[in-house]
Amino acid sequence: MTPTLAHTKRYFGFGDKDDHVVLDGGRVIGRIFQQAQAPQGRPWFWTITAREHPPSIDSRGYSATREQAMEDFKAQWLSC
């Protein structure tokens, strides 16, 4: 699976330039965005929202860059 990003506003009507949905084909499976309340040095929050992926503490996290957030997202998505 090679996830792709699209602006959240296109899919949900909200969000700015640093707010993205993660797509698997045309299906939304998660979200990556900058969060003001993030831990120091890790402003990018990622979360898996696909129904077939059970919610857990491992299905979300913080990363230093958007690119790292994509890698972290992908690693967790593929582990299930």
Protein backbone atom coordinates (compact mmCIF):
# COMPACT_ATOMS: atom_id res chain seq x y z
CA MET A 1 0.00 0.00 0.00
CA THR A 2 1.27 3.42 -0.91
CA PRO A 3 -0.80 5.97 0.98
CA THR A 4 -1.34 9.39 -0.52
CA LEU A 5 -2.31 12.70 1.00
CA ALA A 6 -5.05 15.13 0.06
CA HIS A 7 -6.19 18.32 1.77
CA THR A 8 -8.83 17.63 4.40
CA LYS A 9 -10.90 20.58 3.21
CA ARG A 10 -11.58 18.79 -0.09
CA TYR A 11 -13.12 15.82 1.71
CA PHE A 12 -14.68 17.31 4.86
CA GLY A 13 -14.99 21.06 4.25
CA PHE A 14 -12.53 22.11 6.98
CA GLY A 15 -8.79 22.29 7.46
CA ASP A 16 -5.86 24.37 6.30
CA LYS A 17 -2.71 23.73 4.26
CA ASP A 18 -1.22 21.60 7.06
CA ASP A 19 -4.26 19.33 7.45
CA HIS A 20 -4.42 16.20 5.28
CA VAL A 21 -6.43 13.02 4.93
CA VAL A 22 -4.56 9.80 4.19
CA LEU A 23 -5.99 7.88 1.25
CA ASP A 24 -5.74 4.25 0.21
CA GLY A 25 -6.92 4.52 -3.36
CA GLY A 26 -9.88 6.87 -3.01
CA ARG A 27 -10.79 5.77 0.53
CA VAL A 28 -9.97 7.91 3.57
CA ILE A 29 -8.09 5.77 6.10
CA GLY A 30 -6.60 8.44 8.35
CA ARG A 31 -5.45 11.97 8.92
CA ILE A 32 -2.16 13.86 9.35
CA PHE A 33 -2.04 17.45 10.54
CA GLN A 34 -0.01 19.96 12.52
CA GLN A 35 -1.25 20.32 16.07
CA ALA A 36 -0.47 23.35 18.24
CA GLN A 37 -0.60 21.31 21.47
CA ALA A 38 1.87 18.69 20.21
CA PRO A 39 4.95 17.61 22.15
CA GLN A 40 8.04 19.78 21.63
CA GLY A 41 9.73 18.96 18.32
CA ARG A 42 6.94 16.66 17.10
CA PRO A 43 4.18 18.93 15.73
CA TRP A 44 2.67 16.47 13.22
CA PHE A 45 -0.14 14.28 14.56
CA TRP A 46 -1.20 11.18 12.63
CA THR A 47 -4.13 8.86 13.26
CA ILE A 48 -5.59 5.82 11.55
CA THR A 49 -9.38 6.10 11.27
CA ALA A 50 -10.27 3.13 9.04
CA ARG A 51 -12.97 0.96 10.60
CA GLU A 52 -11.11 -2.30 10.05
CA HIS A 53 -8.18 -1.02 12.12
CA PRO A 54 -9.19 -1.33 15.79
CA PRO A 55 -8.71 1.89 17.79
CA SER A 56 -5.68 1.71 20.05
CA ILE A 57 -2.89 3.85 21.40
CA ASP A 58 -0.76 2.44 18.56
CA SER A 59 -3.05 3.82 15.86
CA ARG A 60 -1.95 7.42 16.43
CA GLY A 61 1.15 9.38 17.29
CA TYR A 62 3.31 12.47 16.86
CA SER A 63 6.18 12.95 14.43
CA ALA A 64 8.78 15.63 13.72
CA THR A 65 7.88 16.12 10.05
CA ARG A 66 4.96 15.42 7.76
CA GLU A 67 7.11 12.93 5.86
CA GLN A 68 7.98 11.10 9.08
CA ALA A 69 4.29 11.09 10.04
CA MET A 70 3.53 9.35 6.73
CA GLU A 71 6.23 6.74 7.41
CA ASP A 72 4.97 6.16 10.95
CA PHE A 73 1.38 5.91 9.69
CA LYS A 74 2.34 3.47 6.97
CA ALA A 75 4.36 1.26 9.34
CA GLN A 76 1.45 0.98 11.74
CA TRP A 77 -1.10 0.47 8.95
CA LEU A 78 0.91 -2.39 7.47
CA SER A 79 1.48 -4.07 10.87
CA CYS A 80 -2.18 -5.06 11.16
